[in-house]
Amino acid sequence: MNKTRDRQILVLFILHPSSFFLPTWRHFPDYRKMKNLMSHSNPKASVRALLTEIIDYAGLFPPAQLSMQEAVGNYATYKKSDYKWMLGRLVVPVERLDEFAASAKNFFSATSEEPWRLGVLGSGDIYQTVRLIEEFNHEYAPQTVCDALEVKAETSYQIKEISNALPQGLKTYFEIPIEESLAELIPTLAIFGHRAKIRTGGTNEAAFPPVEQIAKFMRVCLAANVPFKATAGLHHPLRTVKPLTYEPNAPEGTMNGFLNVFLAAAFLRQGSQPRLIHNLLRDRRADNFLFDDNGVLWRQEHFINSLQIENARIRAAISFGSCSFVEPVEDLQEIGLL
């Protein structure tokens, strides 16, 4: 039994049981857990400000690595769930856009109130990537549209070369090295009006950067007015030790928390000092974070209001990619934020 896929397909019933439309049932866990995810909560204004459209669903990628049909079915259900306000784009490799269209076209009429937005993972050939995106948008817009692109670059020269091939209006995130060359790469992104991407984890412990590197990346991005997204290793709200994959007996490691990262970005934007940011990124205790309609109070001392959080999300810390949508929702419920 593939527990990862069972867990992901389960969401087609969990988040909105009336919209369950996959042709076959898998192995479902006990019903008590399903009912926990069907609660109708009323999150505080600060929670809404922090979490609106925060999760770009990347179910096609490890460790979930679902089939296209499964990922599309999950995303369609999330868009109709009580938690759709937390959902961002669906992440799809550019070379699989035709496969996506074949799997998703029957869902568009069911969710026609708004288009499906895709974040496309580019290939090594930027010209082919742009051509495939433009052909896809010409055929399928406005029902679904590729309105964001994610690419990799290691030098300023590569950023310039890729930028020259990009059409106007396509939001493009550049995944860049975060060790030594930030001071050169981030300003180059600013010059061309692009965005940055940081890898905050992976399927092995070495893939998780230390909090000092995460803080430095965010600080340089904010100084240059470069918006950014994160990807990988942010399934859980708070920093924690968890299995790094969904396989039985998977090795454990320290994982970064998405509440830690995005709140740290908001505090950084207000001029907070590095020591505070590092401590916030390391914090594992849910009771240190008090959310209400006015804002968030951390450790009974440091406050940031809901408008400041909202502005940070709109202008700086945009989203994070996750191969699970249910796992973050479950964890947020467990700590009382949903």
C-alpha atoms as a PDB file:
ATOM      1  CA  MET A   1       0.000   0.000   0.000  1.00  0.00           C
ATOM      2  CA  ASN A   2       1.320   3.447  -0.941  1.00  0.00           C
ATOM      3  CA  LYS A   3       0.528   5.463   2.193  1.00  0.00           C
ATOM      4  CA  THR A   4       1.593   8.747   0.651  1.00  0.00           C
ATOM      5  CA  ARG A   5      -0.879   8.492  -2.193  1.00  0.00           C
ATOM      6  CA  ASP A   6      -3.589   7.174   0.090  1.00  0.00           C
ATOM      7  CA  ARG A   7      -3.153  10.208   2.299  1.00  0.00           C
ATOM      8  CA  GLN A   8      -3.286  12.645  -0.598  1.00  0.00           C
ATOM      9  CA  ILE A   9      -6.330  11.095  -2.266  1.00  0.00           C
ATOM     10  CA  LEU A  10      -8.058  11.106   1.106  1.00  0.00           C
ATOM     11  CA  VAL A  11      -8.329  14.870   0.854  1.00  0.00           C
ATOM     12  CA  LEU A  12     -10.895  14.508  -1.916  1.00  0.00           C
ATOM     13  CA  PHE A  13     -13.259  13.446   0.832  1.00  0.00           C
ATOM     14  CA  ILE A  14     -11.740  15.234   3.803  1.00  0.00           C
ATOM     15  CA  LEU A  15     -11.910  18.859   2.751  1.00  0.00           C
ATOM     16  CA  HIS A  16     -15.202  18.804   0.879  1.00  0.00           C
ATOM     17  CA  PRO A  17     -16.965  15.415   0.897  1.00  0.00           C
ATOM     18  CA  SER A  18     -19.703  16.491  -1.522  1.00  0.00           C
ATOM     19  CA  SER A  19     -17.076  17.193  -4.184  1.00  0.00           C
ATOM     20  CA  PHE A  20     -15.489  13.754  -4.073  1.00  0.00           C
ATOM     21  CA  PHE A  21     -15.247  12.778  -7.730  1.00  0.00           C
ATOM     22  CA  LEU A  22     -12.318  10.446  -8.329  1.00  0.00           C
ATOM     23  CA  PRO A  23     -13.504   7.222 -10.007  1.00  0.00           C
ATOM     24  CA  THR A  24     -11.984   4.857  -7.455  1.00  0.00           C
ATOM     25  CA  TRP A  25     -11.593   4.716  -3.664  1.00  0.00           C
ATOM     26  CA  ARG A  26      -8.311   3.961  -1.964  1.00  0.00           C
ATOM     27  CA  HIS A  27      -7.622   2.873   1.594  1.00  0.00           C
ATOM     28  CA  PHE A  28      -9.101   5.456   3.961  1.00  0.00           C
ATOM     29  CA  PRO A  29      -7.990   5.974   7.584  1.00  0.00           C
ATOM     30  CA  ASP A  30     -10.557   6.173  10.335  1.00  0.00           C
ATOM     31  CA  TYR A  31     -13.448   8.566   9.959  1.00  0.00           C
ATOM     32  CA  ARG A  32     -12.649  10.564  13.094  1.00  0.00           C
ATOM     33  CA  LYS A  33      -9.723  12.223  11.339  1.00  0.00           C
ATOM     34  CA  MET A  34     -11.910  13.125   8.376  1.00  0.00           C
ATOM     35  CA  LYS A  35     -14.394  14.915  10.630  1.00  0.00           C
ATOM     36  CA  ASN A  36     -11.571  16.930  12.194  1.00  0.00           C
ATOM     37  CA  LEU A  37     -10.798  18.422   8.778  1.00  0.00           C
ATOM     38  CA  MET A  38     -14.412  19.295   8.041  1.00  0.00           C
ATOM     39  CA  SER A  39     -14.721  21.867  10.829  1.00  0.00           C
ATOM     40  CA  HIS A  40     -15.903  25.378   9.932  1.00  0.00           C
ATOM     41  CA  SER A  41     -13.543  27.658  11.807  1.00  0.00           C
ATOM     42  CA  ASN A  42     -13.386  31.443  11.761  1.00  0.00           C
ATOM     43  CA  PRO A  43      -9.678  32.323  11.816  1.00  0.00           C
ATOM     44  CA  LYS A  44      -8.466  35.544  13.386  1.00  0.00           C
ATOM     45  CA  ALA A  45      -7.706  38.445  11.061  1.00  0.00           C
ATOM     46  CA  SER A  46      -3.973  38.027  11.686  1.00  0.00           C
ATOM     47  CA  VAL A  47      -4.171  34.357  10.669  1.00  0.00           C
ATOM     48  CA  ARG A  48      -5.949  35.325   7.453  1.00  0.00           C
ATOM     49  CA  ALA A  49      -3.376  38.023   6.776  1.00  0.00           C
ATOM     50  CA  LEU A  50      -0.507  35.579   7.227  1.00  0.00           C
ATOM     51  CA  LEU A  51      -1.931  32.548   5.417  1.00  0.00           C
ATOM     52  CA  THR A  52      -4.031  33.834   2.502  1.00  0.00           C
ATOM     53  CA  GLU A  53      -2.915  32.082  -0.723  1.00  0.00           C
ATOM     54  CA  ILE A  54       0.267  30.970   1.008  1.00  0.00           C
ATOM     55  CA  ILE A  55       0.511  27.365  -0.244  1.00  0.00           C
ATOM     56  CA  ASP A  56       1.446  26.606  -3.840  1.00  0.00           C
ATOM     57  CA  TYR A  57       0.413  22.989  -4.215  1.00  0.00           C
ATOM     58  CA  ALA A  58       3.283  20.842  -5.525  1.00  0.00           C
ATOM     59  CA  GLY A  59       1.851  17.342  -5.194  1.00  0.00           C
ATOM     60  CA  LEU A  60       3.686  16.184  -8.323  1.00  0.00           C
ATOM     61  CA  PHE A  61       7.028  16.546  -6.555  1.00  0.00           C
ATOM     62  CA  PRO A  62       8.838  14.539  -3.833  1.00  0.00           C
ATOM     63  CA  PRO A  63       8.199  13.349  -1.275  1.00  0.00           C
ATOM     64  CA  ALA A  64       4.544  12.952  -2.336  1.00  0.00           C
ATOM     65  CA  GLN A  65       5.276  12.554  -6.066  1.00  0.00           C
ATOM     66  CA  LEU A  66       1.656  11.906  -7.066  1.00  0.00           C
ATOM     67  CA  SER A  67       0.427  11.157 -10.542  1.00  0.00           C
ATOM     68  CA  MET A  68      -0.968  14.051 -12.570  1.00  0.00           C
ATOM     69  CA  GLN A  69      -4.510  12.733 -12.167  1.00  0.00           C
ATOM     70  CA  GLU A  70      -4.144  12.545  -8.395  1.00  0.00           C
ATOM     71  CA  ALA A  71      -2.561  16.000  -8.061  1.00  0.00           C
ATOM     72  CA  VAL A  72      -5.185  17.607 -10.310  1.00  0.00           C
ATOM     73  CA  GLY A  73      -8.007  15.901  -8.418  1.00  0.00           C
ATOM     74  CA  ASN A  74      -6.612  17.088  -5.108  1.00  0.00           C
ATOM     75  CA  TYR A  75      -6.199  20.669  -6.311  1.00  0.00           C
ATOM     76  CA  ALA A  76      -9.748  20.738  -7.671  1.00  0.00           C
ATOM     77  CA  THR A  77     -11.019  19.663  -4.270  1.00  0.00           C
ATOM     78  CA  TYR A  78      -8.895  22.158  -2.369  1.00  0.00           C
ATOM     79  CA  LYS A  79     -10.355  24.930  -4.547  1.00  0.00           C
ATOM     80  CA  LYS A  80     -13.835  24.002  -3.313  1.00  0.00           C
ATOM     81  CA  SER A  81     -12.913  23.383   0.312  1.00  0.00           C
ATOM     82  CA  ASP A  82     -13.358  25.528   3.403  1.00  0.00           C
ATOM     83  CA  TYR A  83      -9.616  26.225   3.223  1.00  0.00           C
ATOM     84  CA  LYS A  84      -9.432  27.428  -0.369  1.00  0.00           C
ATOM     85  CA  TRP A  85      -8.406  30.880   0.877  1.00  0.00           C
ATOM     86  CA  MET A  86      -5.008  29.383   1.811  1.00  0.00           C
ATOM     87  CA  LEU A  87      -4.437  27.902  -1.654  1.00  0.00           C
ATOM     88  CA  GLY A  88      -2.145  29.485  -4.214  1.00  0.00           C
ATOM     89  CA  ARG A  89      -1.035  28.079  -7.551  1.00  0.00           C
ATOM     90  CA  LEU A  90      -0.673  24.511  -8.755  1.00  0.00           C
ATOM     91  CA  VAL A  91       2.990  23.834  -9.593  1.00  0.00           C
ATOM     92  CA  VAL A  92       3.500  21.938 -12.868  1.00  0.00           C
ATOM     93  CA  PRO A  93       6.692  21.202 -14.859  1.00  0.00           C
ATOM     94  CA  VAL A  94       6.550  22.889 -18.245  1.00  0.00           C
ATOM     95  CA  GLU A  95       7.102  19.606 -20.079  1.00  0.00           C
ATOM     96  CA  ARG A  96       3.944  18.198 -18.446  1.00  0.00           C
ATOM     97  CA  LEU A  97       1.538  20.992 -19.395  1.00  0.00           C
ATOM     98  CA  ASP A  98      -0.164  18.851 -22.054  1.00  0.00           C
ATOM     99  CA  GLU A  99      -0.592  16.063 -19.517  1.00  0.00           C
ATOM    100  CA  PHE A 100      -2.062  18.559 -17.078  1.00  0.00           C
ATOM    101  CA  ALA A 101      -4.541  19.821 -19.663  1.00  0.00           C
ATOM    102  CA  ALA A 102      -5.709  16.312 -20.460  1.00  0.00           C
ATOM    103  CA  SER A 103      -6.237  15.523 -16.763  1.00  0.00           C
ATOM    104  CA  ALA A 104      -7.773  18.841 -15.728  1.00  0.00           C
ATOM    105  CA  LYS A 105     -10.042  19.956 -18.559  1.00  0.00           C
ATOM    106  CA  ASN A 106     -13.088  18.206 -17.089  1.00  0.00           C
ATOM    107  CA  PHE A 107     -12.678  20.126 -13.834  1.00  0.00           C
ATOM    108  CA  PHE A 108     -12.703  23.644 -15.249  1.00  0.00           C
ATOM    109  CA  SER A 109     -16.499  23.934 -15.532  1.00  0.00           C
ATOM    110  CA  ALA A 110     -16.881  22.721 -11.937  1.00  0.00           C
ATOM    111  CA  THR A 111     -14.639  25.523 -10.651  1.00  0.00           C
ATOM    112  CA  SER A 112     -15.350  28.188 -13.241  1.00  0.00           C
ATOM    113  CA  GLU A 113     -15.813  30.948 -10.680  1.00  0.00           C
ATOM    114  CA  GLU A 114     -12.094  31.693 -10.997  1.00  0.00           C
ATOM    115  CA  PRO A 115      -9.283  30.462 -13.228  1.00  0.00           C
ATOM    116  CA  TRP A 116      -6.796  27.799 -12.280  1.00  0.00           C
ATOM    117  CA  ARG A 117      -3.443  29.535 -11.835  1.00  0.00           C
ATOM    118  CA  LEU A 118      -0.343  27.524 -12.606  1.00  0.00           C
ATOM    119  CA  GLY A 119       3.204  28.082 -11.425  1.00  0.00           C
ATOM    120  CA  VAL A 120       5.317  26.496 -14.127  1.00  0.00           C
ATOM    121  CA  LEU A 121       8.680  24.921 -13.392  1.00  0.00           C
ATOM    122  CA  GLY A 122      10.874  25.786 -16.365  1.00  0.00           C
ATOM    123  CA  SER A 123      13.187  23.464 -18.241  1.00  0.00           C
ATOM    124  CA  GLY A 124      16.821  24.096 -19.109  1.00  0.00           C
ATOM    125  CA  ASP A 125      15.724  25.677 -22.406  1.00  0.00           C
ATOM    126  CA  ILE A 126      14.141  29.027 -21.576  1.00  0.00           C
ATOM    127  CA  TYR A 127      13.011  29.668 -25.156  1.00  0.00           C
ATOM    128  CA  GLN A 128      11.162  26.356 -25.323  1.00  0.00           C
ATOM    129  CA  THR A 129       9.714  27.024 -21.867  1.00  0.00           C
ATOM    130  CA  VAL A 130       8.318  30.397 -22.928  1.00  0.00           C
ATOM    131  CA  ARG A 131       6.948  28.960 -26.180  1.00  0.00           C
ATOM    132  CA  LEU A 132       5.113  26.158 -24.356  1.00  0.00           C
ATOM    133  CA  ILE A 133       3.664  28.587 -21.818  1.00  0.00           C
ATOM    134  CA  GLU A 134       2.433  30.966 -24.512  1.00  0.00           C
ATOM    135  CA  GLU A 135       0.892  28.122 -26.515  1.00  0.00           C
ATOM    136  CA  PHE A 136      -0.819  26.774 -23.402  1.00  0.00           C
ATOM    137  CA  ASN A 137      -2.227  30.160 -22.391  1.00  0.00           C
ATOM    138  CA  HIS A 138      -3.449  30.824 -25.931  1.00  0.00           C
ATOM    139  CA  GLU A 139      -5.387  27.555 -25.930  1.00  0.00           C
ATOM    140  CA  TYR A 140      -6.702  27.356 -22.362  1.00  0.00           C
ATOM    141  CA  ALA A 141      -7.024  30.879 -20.950  1.00  0.00           C
ATOM    142  CA  PRO A 142      -9.080  32.142 -19.204  1.00  0.00           C
ATOM    143  CA  GLN A 143     -10.118  28.810 -17.626  1.00  0.00           C
ATOM    144  CA  THR A 144      -6.528  28.123 -16.652  1.00  0.00           C
ATOM    145  CA  VAL A 145      -3.455  30.258 -17.052  1.00  0.00           C
ATOM    146  CA  CYS A 146       0.285  29.950 -16.491  1.00  0.00           C
ATOM    147  CA  ASP A 147       0.962  33.256 -14.748  1.00  0.00           C
ATOM    148  CA  ALA A 148       4.160  32.414 -12.848  1.00  0.00           C
ATOM    149  CA  LEU A 149       7.424  30.765 -13.826  1.00  0.00           C
ATOM    150  CA  GLU A 150      10.141  29.213 -11.677  1.00  0.00           C
ATOM    151  CA  VAL A 151      13.675  28.846 -13.049  1.00  0.00           C
ATOM    152  CA  LYS A 152      17.194  28.342 -11.727  1.00  0.00           C
ATOM    153  CA  ALA A 153      20.204  30.600 -12.099  1.00  0.00           C
ATOM    154  CA  GLU A 154      23.627  30.621 -10.465  1.00  0.00           C
ATOM    155  CA  THR A 155      25.125  33.804 -11.886  1.00  0.00           C
ATOM    156  CA  SER A 156      24.065  37.324 -12.785  1.00  0.00           C
ATOM    157  CA  TYR A 157      24.852  36.535 -16.403  1.00  0.00           C
ATOM    158  CA  GLN A 158      22.351  33.657 -16.383  1.00  0.00           C
ATOM    159  CA  ILE A 159      19.714  35.926 -14.858  1.00  0.00           C
ATOM    160  CA  LYS A 160      20.291  38.468 -17.640  1.00  0.00           C
ATOM    161  CA  GLU A 161      20.164  35.821 -20.392  1.00  0.00           C
ATOM    162  CA  ILE A 162      16.937  34.302 -19.077  1.00  0.00           C
ATOM    163  CA  SER A 163      15.410  37.746 -18.550  1.00  0.00           C
ATOM    164  CA  ASN A 164      15.974  38.639 -22.186  1.00  0.00           C
ATOM    165  CA  ALA A 165      13.811  35.681 -23.235  1.00  0.00           C
ATOM    166  CA  LEU A 166      10.892  36.364 -20.898  1.00  0.00           C
ATOM    167  CA  PRO A 167       7.640  38.017 -21.982  1.00  0.00           C
ATOM    168  CA  GLN A 168       6.386  41.033 -20.086  1.00  0.00           C
ATOM    169  CA  GLY A 169       3.999  40.341 -17.247  1.00  0.00           C
ATOM    170  CA  LEU A 170       5.131  36.808 -16.439  1.00  0.00           C
ATOM    171  CA  LYS A 171       6.018  36.667 -12.754  1.00  0.00           C
ATOM    172  CA  THR A 172       9.330  34.810 -12.634  1.00  0.00           C
ATOM    173  CA  TYR A 173      11.014  33.361  -9.556  1.00  0.00           C
ATOM    174  CA  PHE A 174      14.726  32.600  -9.764  1.00  0.00           C
ATOM    175  CA  GLU A 175      16.017  29.864  -7.486  1.00  0.00           C
ATOM    176  CA  ILE A 176      19.517  31.005  -6.646  1.00  0.00           C
ATOM    177  CA  PRO A 177      22.361  29.807  -4.413  1.00  0.00           C
ATOM    178  CA  ILE A 178      22.109  31.286  -0.936  1.00  0.00           C
ATOM    179  CA  GLU A 179      25.601  30.672   0.356  1.00  0.00           C
ATOM    180  CA  GLU A 180      27.864  33.433  -0.944  1.00  0.00           C
ATOM    181  CA  SER A 181      26.583  35.339  -3.982  1.00  0.00           C
ATOM    182  CA  LEU A 182      23.353  36.900  -2.702  1.00  0.00           C
ATOM    183  CA  ALA A 183      24.802  40.399  -2.709  1.00  0.00           C
ATOM    184  CA  GLU A 184      25.310  40.127  -6.459  1.00  0.00           C
ATOM    185  CA  LEU A 185      22.328  38.013  -7.537  1.00  0.00           C
ATOM    186  CA  ILE A 186      19.502  39.716  -5.645  1.00  0.00           C
ATOM    187  CA  PRO A 187      20.291  43.222  -6.981  1.00  0.00           C
ATOM    188  CA  THR A 188      20.389  41.749 -10.491  1.00  0.00           C
ATOM    189  CA  LEU A 189      16.895  40.375  -9.965  1.00  0.00           C
ATOM    190  CA  ALA A 190      15.822  43.810  -8.754  1.00  0.00           C
ATOM    191  CA  ILE A 191      17.169  45.474 -11.898  1.00  0.00           C
ATOM    192  CA  PHE A 192      15.126  43.161 -14.125  1.00  0.00           C
ATOM    193  CA  GLY A 193      12.031  43.226 -11.931  1.00  0.00           C
ATOM    194  CA  HIS A 194      12.071  39.532 -11.058  1.00  0.00           C
ATOM    195  CA  ARG A 195      11.602  37.523  -7.885  1.00  0.00           C
ATOM    196  CA  ALA A 196      13.726  35.167  -5.814  1.00  0.00           C
ATOM    197  CA  LYS A 197      13.179  31.623  -4.613  1.00  0.00           C
ATOM    198  CA  ILE A 198      14.786  29.880  -1.660  1.00  0.00           C
ATOM    199  CA  ARG A 199      14.933  26.134  -1.099  1.00  0.00           C
ATOM    200  CA  THR A 200      14.180  25.607   2.581  1.00  0.00           C
ATOM    201  CA  GLY A 201      14.442  21.816   2.748  1.00  0.00           C
ATOM    202  CA  GLY A 202      14.301  18.536   0.908  1.00  0.00           C
ATOM    203  CA  THR A 203      14.292  14.786   1.407  1.00  0.00           C
ATOM    204  CA  ASN A 204      17.569  14.710   3.333  1.00  0.00           C
ATOM    205  CA  GLU A 205      18.787  16.742   6.294  1.00  0.00           C
ATOM    206  CA  ALA A 206      21.607  18.388   4.336  1.00  0.00           C
ATOM    207  CA  ALA A 207      18.988  20.125   2.156  1.00  0.00           C
ATOM    208  CA  PHE A 208      17.754  22.253   5.078  1.00  0.00           C
ATOM    209  CA  PRO A 209      19.633  25.559   5.333  1.00  0.00           C
ATOM    210  CA  PRO A 210      20.452  26.958   8.781  1.00  0.00           C
ATOM    211  CA  VAL A 211      18.293  29.794  10.057  1.00  0.00           C
ATOM    212  CA  GLU A 212      21.137  32.273   9.583  1.00  0.00           C
ATOM    213  CA  GLN A 213      21.122  31.647   5.829  1.00  0.00           C
ATOM    214  CA  ILE A 214      17.334  31.929   5.618  1.00  0.00           C
ATOM    215  CA  ALA A 215      17.421  35.201   7.544  1.00  0.00           C
ATOM    216  CA  LYS A 216      20.197  36.592   5.349  1.00  0.00           C
ATOM    217  CA  PHE A 217      18.318  35.661   2.164  1.00  0.00           C
ATOM    218  CA  MET A 218      15.178  37.422   3.376  1.00  0.00           C
ATOM    219  CA  ARG A 219      17.109  40.459   4.597  1.00  0.00           C
ATOM    220  CA  VAL A 220      18.862  40.944   1.233  1.00  0.00           C
ATOM    221  CA  CYS A 221      15.606  40.458  -0.676  1.00  0.00           C
ATOM    222  CA  LEU A 222      13.820  43.021   1.483  1.00  0.00           C
ATOM    223  CA  ALA A 223      16.642  45.533   1.116  1.00  0.00           C
ATOM    224  CA  ALA A 224      16.422  45.242  -2.681  1.00  0.00           C
ATOM    225  CA  ASN A 225      12.590  45.142  -2.780  1.00  0.00           C
ATOM    226  CA  VAL A 226      12.685  41.691  -4.376  1.00  0.00           C
ATOM    227  CA  PRO A 227       9.652  39.510  -3.522  1.00  0.00           C
ATOM    228  CA  PHE A 228      10.395  35.863  -2.829  1.00  0.00           C
ATOM    229  CA  LYS A 229       8.874  32.443  -2.362  1.00  0.00           C
ATOM    230  CA  ALA A 230      10.132  29.360  -0.568  1.00  0.00           C
ATOM    231  CA  THR A 231       9.968  25.729  -1.530  1.00  0.00           C
ATOM    232  CA  ALA A 232      10.419  22.335   0.137  1.00  0.00           C
ATOM    233  CA  GLY A 233      10.570  21.388   3.788  1.00  0.00           C
ATOM    234  CA  LEU A 234       7.820  23.699   5.051  1.00  0.00           C
ATOM    235  CA  HIS A 235       4.992  21.223   5.640  1.00  0.00           C
ATOM    236  CA  HIS A 236       4.661  22.189   9.294  1.00  0.00           C
ATOM    237  CA  PRO A 237       3.782  25.548  10.885  1.00  0.00           C
ATOM    238  CA  LEU A 238       6.601  25.532  13.434  1.00  0.00           C
ATOM    239  CA  ARG A 239      10.171  24.305  13.464  1.00  0.00           C
ATOM    240  CA  THR A 240      10.121  20.646  14.436  1.00  0.00           C
ATOM    241  CA  VAL A 241      11.788  17.265  14.117  1.00  0.00           C
ATOM    242  CA  LYS A 242       9.837  15.037  11.726  1.00  0.00           C
ATOM    243  CA  PRO A 243      10.407  12.226   9.206  1.00  0.00           C
ATOM    244  CA  LEU A 244      11.836  13.735   6.027  1.00  0.00           C
ATOM    245  CA  THR A 245       9.713  11.586   3.685  1.00  0.00           C
ATOM    246  CA  TYR A 246       6.478   9.615   3.930  1.00  0.00           C
ATOM    247  CA  GLU A 247       8.212   6.256   3.580  1.00  0.00           C
ATOM    248  CA  PRO A 248       8.111   3.779   6.493  1.00  0.00           C
ATOM    249  CA  ASN A 249      11.026   4.246   8.890  1.00  0.00           C
ATOM    250  CA  ALA A 250      12.118   7.401   7.067  1.00  0.00           C
ATOM    251  CA  PRO A 251      15.016   9.277   8.680  1.00  0.00           C
ATOM    252  CA  GLU A 252      14.092  12.262  10.826  1.00  0.00           C
ATOM    253  CA  GLY A 253      15.507  15.730  10.705  1.00  0.00           C
ATOM    254  CA  THR A 254      14.893  19.290  11.867  1.00  0.00           C
ATOM    255  CA  MET A 255      12.438  20.996   9.520  1.00  0.00           C
ATOM    256  CA  ASN A 256      11.752  24.713   9.230  1.00  0.00           C
ATOM    257  CA  GLY A 257       8.264  26.038   9.993  1.00  0.00           C
ATOM    258  CA  PHE A 258       6.255  28.205   7.618  1.00  0.00           C
ATOM    259  CA  LEU A 259       4.854  30.344  10.451  1.00  0.00           C
ATOM    260  CA  ASN A 260       8.422  30.950  11.614  1.00  0.00           C
ATOM    261  CA  VAL A 261       9.649  31.919   8.144  1.00  0.00           C
ATOM    262  CA  PHE A 262       6.789  34.177   7.085  1.00  0.00           C
ATOM    263  CA  LEU A 263       6.425  35.911  10.431  1.00  0.00           C
ATOM    264  CA  ALA A 264      10.191  36.452  10.469  1.00  0.00           C
ATOM    265  CA  ALA A 265       9.900  38.110   7.061  1.00  0.00           C
ATOM    266  CA  ALA A 266       7.176  40.406   8.393  1.00  0.00           C
ATOM    267  CA  PHE A 267       9.225  41.332  11.473  1.00  0.00           C
ATOM    268  CA  LEU A 268      12.313  41.877   9.303  1.00  0.00           C
ATOM    269  CA  ARG A 269      10.329  44.254   7.129  1.00  0.00           C
ATOM    270  CA  GLN A 270       9.658  46.306  10.255  1.00  0.00           C
ATOM    271  CA  GLY A 271      13.379  46.547  11.028  1.00  0.00           C
ATOM    272  CA  SER A 272      13.751  43.830  13.686  1.00  0.00           C
ATOM    273  CA  GLN A 273      17.301  42.898  14.628  1.00  0.00           C
ATOM    274  CA  PRO A 274      19.032  39.676  13.429  1.00  0.00           C
ATOM    275  CA  ARG A 275      19.099  38.085  16.877  1.00  0.00           C
ATOM    276  CA  LEU A 276      15.318  38.378  17.211  1.00  0.00           C
ATOM    277  CA  ILE A 277      14.820  36.944  13.709  1.00  0.00           C
ATOM    278  CA  HIS A 278      17.137  33.989  14.376  1.00  0.00           C
ATOM    279  CA  ASN A 279      15.336  33.193  17.620  1.00  0.00           C
ATOM    280  CA  LEU A 280      11.948  33.466  15.943  1.00  0.00           C
ATOM    281  CA  LEU A 281      13.034  31.097  13.166  1.00  0.00           C
ATOM    282  CA  ARG A 282      14.164  28.563  15.790  1.00  0.00           C
ATOM    283  CA  ASP A 283      11.039  28.774  17.969  1.00  0.00           C
ATOM    284  CA  ARG A 284       9.155  25.457  18.286  1.00  0.00           C
ATOM    285  CA  ARG A 285       6.523  26.437  20.882  1.00  0.00           C
ATOM    286  CA  ALA A 286       3.040  27.256  19.643  1.00  0.00           C
ATOM    287  CA  ASP A 287       2.185  29.003  22.909  1.00  0.00           C
ATOM    288  CA  ASN A 288       4.823  31.642  22.160  1.00  0.00           C
ATOM    289  CA  PHE A 289       2.666  32.906  19.267  1.00  0.00           C
ATOM    290  CA  LEU A 290      -0.536  34.728  20.196  1.00  0.00           C
ATOM    291  CA  PHE A 291      -2.780  35.521  17.209  1.00  0.00           C
ATOM    292  CA  ASP A 292      -5.780  37.835  17.471  1.00  0.00           C
ATOM    293  CA  ASP A 293      -7.614  40.156  15.098  1.00  0.00           C
ATOM    294  CA  ASN A 294      -5.170  42.982  15.757  1.00  0.00           C
ATOM    295  CA  GLY A 295      -1.966  41.082  15.035  1.00  0.00           C
ATOM    296  CA  VAL A 296       0.546  38.599  16.443  1.00  0.00           C
ATOM    297  CA  LEU A 297       2.325  38.838  19.782  1.00  0.00           C
ATOM    298  CA  TRP A 298       5.464  36.730  20.020  1.00  0.00           C
ATOM    299  CA  ARG A 299       6.871  35.728  23.407  1.00  0.00           C
ATOM    300  CA  GLN A 300       4.673  38.289  25.153  1.00  0.00           C
ATOM    301  CA  GLU A 301       7.000  41.053  23.949  1.00  0.00           C
ATOM    302  CA  HIS A 302       7.220  41.529  20.189  1.00  0.00           C
ATOM    303  CA  PHE A 303       4.075  42.615  18.325  1.00  0.00           C
ATOM    304  CA  ILE A 304       3.286  43.006  14.645  1.00  0.00           C
ATOM    305  CA  ASN A 305      -0.129  44.126  13.465  1.00  0.00           C
ATOM    306  CA  SER A 306      -2.324  42.465  10.869  1.00  0.00           C
ATOM    307  CA  LEU A 307      -1.852  45.216   8.284  1.00  0.00           C
ATOM    308  CA  GLN A 308       1.936  44.929   8.542  1.00  0.00           C
ATOM    309  CA  ILE A 309       1.644  41.160   8.074  1.00  0.00           C
ATOM    310  CA  GLU A 310      -0.651  41.593   5.074  1.00  0.00           C
ATOM    311  CA  ASN A 311       1.707  44.094   3.450  1.00  0.00           C
ATOM    312  CA  ALA A 312       4.654  41.758   3.983  1.00  0.00           C
ATOM    313  CA  ARG A 313       2.778  38.942   2.277  1.00  0.00           C
ATOM    314  CA  ILE A 314       1.716  41.095  -0.669  1.00  0.00           C
ATOM    315  CA  ARG A 315       5.030  42.836  -1.248  1.00  0.00           C
ATOM    316  CA  ALA A 316       7.712  40.486   0.059  1.00  0.00           C
ATOM    317  CA  ALA A 317       7.027  36.939   1.272  1.00  0.00           C
ATOM    318  CA  ILE A 318       4.659  35.609  -1.377  1.00  0.00           C
ATOM    319  CA  SER A 319       4.146  31.865  -0.889  1.00  0.00           C
ATOM    320  CA  PHE A 320       5.757  28.497  -0.340  1.00  0.00           C
ATOM    321  CA  GLY A 321       5.554  25.304  -2.365  1.00  0.00           C
ATOM    322  CA  SER A 322       4.386  22.153  -0.592  1.00  0.00           C
ATOM    323  CA  CYS A 323       3.641  18.667  -1.857  1.00  0.00           C
ATOM    324  CA  SER A 324       0.905  18.474   0.794  1.00  0.00           C
ATOM    325  CA  PHE A 325      -1.990  20.811   1.493  1.00  0.00           C
ATOM    326  CA  VAL A 326      -3.677  18.640   4.118  1.00  0.00           C
ATOM    327  CA  GLU A 327      -0.641  18.356   6.380  1.00  0.00           C
ATOM    328  CA  PRO A 328      -0.305  22.124   6.977  1.00  0.00           C
ATOM    329  CA  VAL A 329      -4.069  22.386   7.544  1.00  0.00           C
ATOM    330  CA  GLU A 330      -4.029  19.545  10.085  1.00  0.00           C
ATOM    331  CA  ASP A 331      -1.106  21.051  11.972  1.00  0.00           C
ATOM    332  CA  LEU A 332      -2.707  24.499  12.065  1.00  0.00           C
ATOM    333  CA  GLN A 333      -5.853  22.952  13.486  1.00  0.00           C
ATOM    334  CA  GLU A 334      -3.823  21.108  16.092  1.00  0.00           C
ATOM    335  CA  ILE A 335      -2.302  24.351  17.405  1.00  0.00           C
ATOM    336  CA  GLY A 336      -5.662  26.124  17.330  1.00  0.00           C
ATOM    337  CA  LEU A 337      -5.216  28.566  14.435  1.00  0.00           C
ATOM    338  CA  LEU A 338      -7.898  27.007  12.212  1.00  0.00           C
END
